[in-house]
């Protein structure tokens, strides 16, 4: 085992996956330190789940290498699966069994020692806050409770790596926040976490974020660095009416770059917001836009993602 591999819980090198002529994953490389939370952030169909399936040994790569806890996934997928706790984007437990029965079943599936199973189940119930619901049928639980139960089942065998594929999809914001509290507790105990999501706000809870689009990583850094380094200029929020006419005007206004709609307002990138905003306001008012307001704002991950995806599309067009 090399020193580089030993220093990381997960290491992925030049990973590719093709389905016929379609490149689902293209030359993806990243490493995750032990105890780190890495977020996979991107739209549906970006390739997040495909990477995760290959990492778990459920799908064979076209090319590239993956090691988990120093073990090559291609050479010994069974050993890798023993070290991974996996939670899919769709609730995969048994609705017609109770909370306790699900935990007992998955304890057996993961091969937990019978001398330890009661202690592990008690720990999972306590972690998930489900002690008072142990005998309840899973189908009677709310979505947030189901996700906590699924997480409890995934860690019964005390895995060193936890892989979560869209774990909070369809869950209300409060339940999502509580779920992330559990993830941070696991990380503090040394568990390495890889979590995919398309919720931009969830990426803020990760140590680092990999922005993925069309099967490629377009950025890999801390959320703060991505927010501030992706935008070569200053971001402004523009209000005005009607919105459609304002968008048409901004599309023809050269100093406003990467214009994007965010609800009822528009975000635009300017070289120097304080100097260019007055001219922009005059420009819009002259074109019949009323109630114009231009305000300097701090960029979000969504702003950075929109900017990077636009750059990726332009680079692909130039290459073509």
Protein backbone atom coordinates (compact mmCIF):
# COMPACT_ATOMS: atom_id res chain seq x y z
CA UNK A 1 0.00 0.00 0.00
CA UNK A 2 1.45 3.36 -0.97
CA UNK A 3 1.73 6.23 1.49
CA UNK A 4 -0.55 8.32 -0.74
CA UNK A 5 -3.32 5.74 -0.70
CA UNK A 6 -2.94 5.14 3.06
CA UNK A 7 -3.44 8.84 3.75
CA UNK A 8 -6.88 8.83 2.13
CA UNK A 9 -10.02 6.87 2.86
CA UNK A 10 -11.08 7.13 -0.81
CA UNK A 11 -8.95 7.78 -3.86
CA UNK A 12 -10.31 7.96 -7.41
CA UNK A 13 -8.00 8.31 -10.41
CA UNK A 14 -9.01 9.03 -14.04
CA UNK A 15 -12.38 7.32 -13.65
CA UNK A 16 -14.45 6.87 -16.82
CA UNK A 17 -17.72 5.11 -17.57
CA UNK A 18 -19.26 4.77 -21.00
CA UNK A 19 -22.61 3.30 -21.95
CA UNK A 20 -22.27 2.70 -25.68
CA UNK A 21 -21.44 6.08 -27.19
CA UNK A 22 -22.53 7.99 -24.09
CA UNK A 23 -19.87 9.18 -21.63
CA UNK A 24 -21.59 9.11 -18.24
CA UNK A 25 -18.36 9.83 -16.34
CA UNK A 26 -15.28 11.41 -17.93
CA UNK A 27 -11.81 11.40 -16.33
CA UNK A 28 -12.95 12.02 -12.75
CA UNK A 29 -10.24 12.17 -10.07
CA UNK A 30 -10.49 13.09 -6.39
CA UNK A 31 -9.36 11.96 -2.93
CA UNK A 32 -11.13 12.12 0.43
CA UNK A 33 -9.23 12.32 3.71
CA UNK A 34 -10.24 10.19 6.66
CA UNK A 35 -13.06 11.83 8.61
CA UNK A 36 -13.76 14.34 5.83
CA UNK A 37 -17.20 15.14 4.40
CA UNK A 38 -17.07 15.57 0.61
CA UNK A 39 -20.20 16.72 -1.17
CA UNK A 40 -21.04 15.77 -4.75
CA UNK A 41 -23.08 18.68 -6.01
CA UNK A 42 -24.78 18.78 -9.38
CA UNK A 43 -28.07 18.51 -11.28
CA UNK A 44 -29.89 15.24 -11.88
CA UNK A 45 -28.09 13.25 -14.56
CA UNK A 46 -24.70 14.87 -13.86
CA UNK A 47 -23.04 11.51 -13.10
CA UNK A 48 -23.07 11.58 -9.29
CA UNK A 49 -24.87 8.27 -8.80
CA UNK A 50 -22.79 6.56 -11.48
CA UNK A 51 -19.58 7.47 -9.66
CA UNK A 52 -21.06 6.24 -6.37
CA UNK A 53 -22.15 2.91 -7.87
CA UNK A 54 -18.64 2.34 -9.19
CA UNK A 55 -17.12 3.30 -5.86
CA UNK A 56 -19.33 0.77 -4.07
CA UNK A 57 -18.39 -1.98 -6.51
CA UNK A 58 -21.88 -2.16 -8.00
CA UNK A 59 -20.79 -1.00 -11.45
CA UNK A 60 -17.55 -1.75 -13.30
CA UNK A 61 -15.66 1.29 -14.62
CA UNK A 62 -14.71 1.53 -18.27
CA UNK A 63 -11.30 2.74 -17.11
CA UNK A 64 -9.63 4.28 -14.08
CA UNK A 65 -8.96 3.13 -10.51
CA UNK A 66 -10.77 3.41 -7.20
CA UNK A 67 -9.35 2.52 -3.79
CA UNK A 68 -11.36 2.51 -0.56
CA UNK A 69 -9.45 2.20 2.71
CA UNK A 70 -6.43 1.15 0.64
CA UNK A 71 -8.29 -1.64 -1.20
CA UNK A 72 -8.69 -1.63 -4.98
CA UNK A 73 -12.42 -1.88 -5.68
CA UNK A 74 -11.87 -3.76 -8.97
CA UNK A 75 -9.70 -6.42 -7.30
CA UNK A 76 -11.70 -7.02 -4.11
CA UNK A 77 -15.19 -5.46 -4.25
CA UNK A 78 -16.49 -7.68 -1.41
CA UNK A 79 -13.83 -6.40 1.00
CA UNK A 80 -14.67 -2.84 0.01
CA UNK A 81 -18.39 -3.35 0.60
CA UNK A 82 -17.63 -4.58 4.14
CA UNK A 83 -15.99 -1.22 4.84
CA UNK A 84 -18.76 0.92 3.33
CA UNK A 85 -22.12 1.96 4.68
CA UNK A 86 -24.40 2.80 1.75
CA UNK A 87 -27.67 4.70 1.70
CA UNK A 88 -29.49 5.06 -1.60
CA UNK A 89 -31.52 8.01 -2.85
CA UNK A 90 -34.72 5.96 -2.64
CA UNK A 91 -35.91 4.67 0.70
CA UNK A 92 -34.84 1.03 0.63
CA UNK A 93 -36.04 -0.38 3.95
CA UNK A 94 -39.10 -2.56 4.55
CA UNK A 95 -42.32 -0.66 5.23
CA UNK A 96 -44.18 -3.71 6.56
CA UNK A 97 -41.57 -4.35 9.25
CA UNK A 98 -41.06 -2.38 12.44
CA UNK A 99 -38.10 -0.10 13.09
CA UNK A 100 -36.49 -2.75 15.30
CA UNK A 101 -37.11 -5.55 12.79
CA UNK A 102 -35.45 -3.54 10.02
CA UNK A 103 -32.39 -2.97 12.20
CA UNK A 104 -32.23 -6.65 13.10
CA UNK A 105 -32.53 -7.66 9.46
CA UNK A 106 -29.80 -5.32 8.23
CA UNK A 107 -27.57 -6.29 11.14
CA UNK A 108 -27.74 -9.82 9.77
CA UNK A 109 -27.16 -8.68 6.18
CA UNK A 110 -24.02 -6.81 7.24
CA UNK A 111 -22.81 -9.79 9.24
CA UNK A 112 -22.73 -8.05 12.60
CA UNK A 113 -21.57 -10.43 15.37
CA UNK A 114 -24.61 -11.72 17.27
CA UNK A 115 -22.88 -10.88 20.53
CA UNK A 116 -22.76 -7.24 19.45
CA UNK A 117 -26.02 -6.80 17.56
CA UNK A 118 -28.17 -5.69 20.52
CA UNK A 119 -25.61 -3.06 21.51
CA UNK A 120 -25.30 -1.82 17.92
CA UNK A 121 -29.09 -1.61 17.47
CA UNK A 122 -29.43 0.32 20.74
CA UNK A 123 -26.74 2.73 19.53
CA UNK A 124 -28.47 3.19 16.17
CA UNK A 125 -31.84 3.85 17.82
CA UNK A 126 -30.28 6.38 20.16
CA UNK A 127 -28.37 8.14 17.37
CA UNK A 128 -31.48 8.42 15.20
CA UNK A 129 -33.75 9.40 18.10
CA UNK A 130 -35.98 6.40 17.44
CA UNK A 131 -35.97 4.72 20.87
CA UNK A 132 -39.66 5.50 21.41
CA UNK A 133 -40.55 4.29 17.90
CA UNK A 134 -38.75 0.93 17.92
CA UNK A 135 -41.98 -1.07 17.59
CA UNK A 136 -43.63 1.25 15.06
CA UNK A 137 -44.13 0.06 11.51
CA UNK A 138 -41.83 1.90 9.12
CA UNK A 139 -44.75 2.80 6.83
CA UNK A 140 -46.16 4.93 9.67
CA UNK A 141 -43.01 7.05 10.00
CA UNK A 142 -42.61 10.51 8.49
CA UNK A 143 -39.99 10.95 5.78
CA UNK A 144 -37.37 12.47 8.07
CA UNK A 145 -37.64 9.59 10.53
CA UNK A 146 -37.33 7.06 7.72
CA UNK A 147 -34.11 8.68 6.53
CA UNK A 148 -32.67 8.55 10.05
CA UNK A 149 -33.59 4.87 10.27
CA UNK A 150 -31.92 4.20 6.92
CA UNK A 151 -28.78 5.92 8.21
CA UNK A 152 -28.90 3.83 11.38
CA UNK A 153 -29.10 0.64 9.32
CA UNK A 154 -26.18 1.76 7.14
CA UNK A 155 -23.83 2.18 10.12
CA UNK A 156 -24.69 -0.96 12.11
CA UNK A 157 -21.44 -2.64 11.01
CA UNK A 158 -19.48 0.51 11.97
CA UNK A 159 -18.13 1.24 8.47
CA UNK A 160 -15.08 3.44 7.98
CA UNK A 161 -16.70 5.05 4.92
CA UNK A 162 -20.29 6.23 4.55
CA UNK A 163 -21.69 6.78 1.05
CA UNK A 164 -24.97 8.68 0.83
CA UNK A 165 -26.68 9.06 -2.54
CA UNK A 166 -29.20 11.94 -2.43
CA UNK A 167 -30.10 11.00 1.16
CA UNK A 168 -32.41 13.97 1.83
CA UNK A 169 -34.37 13.95 -1.41
CA UNK A 170 -38.02 14.71 -0.68
CA UNK A 171 -37.37 15.53 2.99
CA UNK A 172 -38.50 18.80 4.59
CA UNK A 173 -35.82 21.43 5.44
CA UNK A 174 -35.94 20.90 9.21
CA UNK A 175 -35.52 17.14 8.86
CA UNK A 176 -32.66 17.71 6.41
CA UNK A 177 -30.86 19.89 8.95
CA UNK A 178 -31.28 17.29 11.69
CA UNK A 179 -30.03 14.59 9.32
CA UNK A 180 -26.90 16.66 8.67
CA UNK A 181 -26.35 16.98 12.41
CA UNK A 182 -26.08 13.18 12.51
CA UNK A 183 -23.63 13.17 9.60
CA UNK A 184 -21.38 15.67 11.39
CA UNK A 185 -21.40 13.53 14.54
CA UNK A 186 -20.26 10.52 12.49
CA UNK A 187 -17.55 12.59 10.83
CA UNK A 188 -16.33 13.76 14.23
CA UNK A 189 -15.97 10.08 15.17
CA UNK A 190 -13.65 9.53 12.19
CA UNK A 191 -16.12 8.23 9.59
CA UNK A 192 -15.40 9.44 6.06
CA UNK A 193 -18.55 10.66 4.28
CA UNK A 194 -19.25 11.02 0.57
CA UNK A 195 -22.67 12.55 0.01
CA UNK A 196 -24.35 13.49 -3.26
CA UNK A 197 -27.00 16.18 -3.43
CA UNK A 198 -28.61 18.70 -5.76
CA UNK A 199 -29.51 20.99 -2.83
CA UNK A 200 -27.07 23.89 -3.02
CA UNK A 201 -27.56 24.83 0.64
CA UNK A 202 -26.50 21.35 1.78
CA UNK A 203 -23.08 21.78 0.20
CA UNK A 204 -22.33 24.42 2.84
CA UNK A 205 -22.32 21.63 5.44
CA UNK A 206 -19.44 19.80 3.70
CA UNK A 207 -15.71 20.22 4.26
CA UNK A 208 -15.20 20.28 0.50
CA UNK A 209 -17.47 20.18 -2.52
CA UNK A 210 -17.06 18.65 -5.96
CA UNK A 211 -19.23 20.42 -8.54
CA UNK A 212 -20.18 17.90 -11.22
CA UNK A 213 -21.79 18.46 -14.60
CA UNK A 214 -22.05 16.21 -17.65
CA UNK A 215 -19.90 13.56 -16.02
CA UNK A 216 -16.96 15.84 -15.21
CA UNK A 217 -15.78 17.67 -12.11
CA UNK A 218 -15.77 21.39 -12.85
CA UNK A 219 -14.54 22.45 -9.40
CA UNK A 220 -13.24 20.79 -6.23
CA UNK A 221 -12.59 22.97 -3.19
CA UNK A 222 -14.12 24.28 0.03
CA UNK A 223 -17.54 25.94 -0.38
CA UNK A 224 -16.05 29.32 0.54
CA UNK A 225 -13.23 29.09 -2.01
CA UNK A 226 -15.60 28.00 -4.76
CA UNK A 227 -17.96 30.90 -4.05
CA UNK A 228 -15.26 33.54 -4.22
CA UNK A 229 -12.81 32.19 -6.78
CA UNK A 230 -15.27 31.12 -9.45
CA UNK A 231 -16.44 34.65 -10.17
CA UNK A 232 -13.91 36.97 -11.84
CA UNK A 233 -15.79 40.12 -10.94
CA UNK A 234 -18.45 41.44 -8.57
CA UNK A 235 -21.97 40.07 -8.34
CA UNK A 236 -25.05 42.28 -8.34
CA UNK A 237 -28.74 41.61 -7.85
CA UNK A 238 -30.95 43.48 -10.31
CA UNK A 239 -34.64 44.20 -9.71
CA UNK A 240 -36.98 45.66 -12.27
CA UNK A 241 -40.17 45.13 -14.26
CA UNK A 242 -41.14 43.58 -16.51
CA UNK A 243 -38.67 40.76 -15.95
CA UNK A 244 -38.77 39.43 -19.51
CA UNK A 245 -37.93 42.79 -21.07
CA UNK A 246 -35.16 43.34 -18.51
CA UNK A 247 -33.59 39.99 -19.45
CA UNK A 248 -33.62 40.92 -23.13
CA UNK A 249 -31.95 44.24 -22.35
CA UNK A 250 -29.30 42.63 -20.16
CA UNK A 251 -28.51 40.05 -22.83
CA UNK A 252 -27.42 42.93 -25.08
CA UNK A 253 -25.50 44.77 -22.35
CA UNK A 254 -21.86 43.72 -22.73
CA UNK A 255 -20.55 44.73 -19.26
CA UNK A 256 -23.11 42.43 -17.57
CA UNK A 257 -21.76 38.90 -17.81
CA UNK A 258 -23.35 35.55 -16.93
CA UNK A 259 -26.83 36.90 -16.39
CA UNK A 260 -29.10 34.41 -14.61
CA UNK A 261 -32.64 34.52 -13.20
CA UNK A 262 -33.06 33.81 -9.46
CA UNK A 263 -36.79 33.89 -8.72
CA UNK A 264 -38.08 37.40 -9.39
CA UNK A 265 -34.61 38.98 -9.61
CA UNK A 266 -31.57 38.69 -11.86
CA UNK A 267 -27.95 38.10 -10.88
CA UNK A 268 -25.25 39.55 -13.13
CA UNK A 269 -21.48 39.68 -12.98
CA UNK A 270 -19.81 43.09 -13.35
CA UNK A 271 -16.11 43.94 -13.42
CA UNK A 272 -16.52 46.75 -10.86
CA UNK A 273 -20.02 46.93 -9.39
CA UNK A 274 -19.64 50.31 -7.70
CA UNK A 275 -18.49 51.97 -10.93
CA UNK A 276 -20.77 50.18 -13.39
CA UNK A 277 -24.06 50.04 -11.45
CA UNK A 278 -25.18 53.66 -12.17
CA UNK A 279 -24.62 53.19 -15.91
CA UNK A 280 -26.50 49.89 -15.79
CA UNK A 281 -29.48 51.51 -14.04
CA UNK A 282 -29.60 54.27 -16.66
CA UNK A 283 -29.36 51.70 -19.44
CA UNK A 284 -32.34 49.71 -18.13
CA UNK A 285 -34.50 52.77 -17.39
CA UNK A 286 -33.93 54.06 -20.92
CA UNK A 287 -35.36 50.79 -22.21
CA UNK A 288 -38.61 51.05 -20.28
CA UNK A 289 -37.68 49.03 -17.21
CA UNK A 290 -39.33 50.47 -14.09
CA UNK A 291 -38.42 50.26 -10.39
CA UNK A 292 -34.80 49.43 -11.23
CA UNK A 293 -32.49 48.62 -8.30
CA UNK A 294 -28.94 47.27 -8.51
CA UNK A 295 -27.39 45.91 -5.30
CA UNK A 296 -23.98 44.35 -4.69
CA UNK A 297 -24.36 40.86 -3.14
CA UNK A 298 -22.10 38.06 -1.96
CA UNK A 299 -22.02 35.07 -4.34
CA UNK A 300 -23.66 31.78 -3.41
CA UNK A 301 -22.63 28.30 -4.53
CA UNK A 302 -25.50 28.45 -7.00
CA UNK A 303 -24.01 31.59 -8.55
CA UNK A 304 -20.62 29.89 -8.78
CA UNK A 305 -22.15 26.75 -10.27
CA UNK A 306 -24.05 28.70 -12.94
CA UNK A 307 -20.85 30.55 -13.84
CA UNK A 308 -18.77 27.38 -14.10
CA UNK A 309 -21.37 25.51 -16.13
CA UNK A 310 -21.50 28.43 -18.56
CA UNK A 311 -17.72 28.39 -18.89
CA UNK A 312 -17.77 24.61 -19.43
CA UNK A 313 -20.38 24.95 -22.17
CA UNK A 314 -18.43 27.75 -23.89
CA UNK A 315 -15.19 25.76 -23.74
CA UNK A 316 -16.93 22.70 -25.17
CA UNK A 317 -18.38 24.82 -27.98
CA UNK A 318 -14.98 26.31 -28.75
CA UNK A 319 -13.39 22.86 -28.83
CA UNK A 320 -16.11 21.57 -31.16
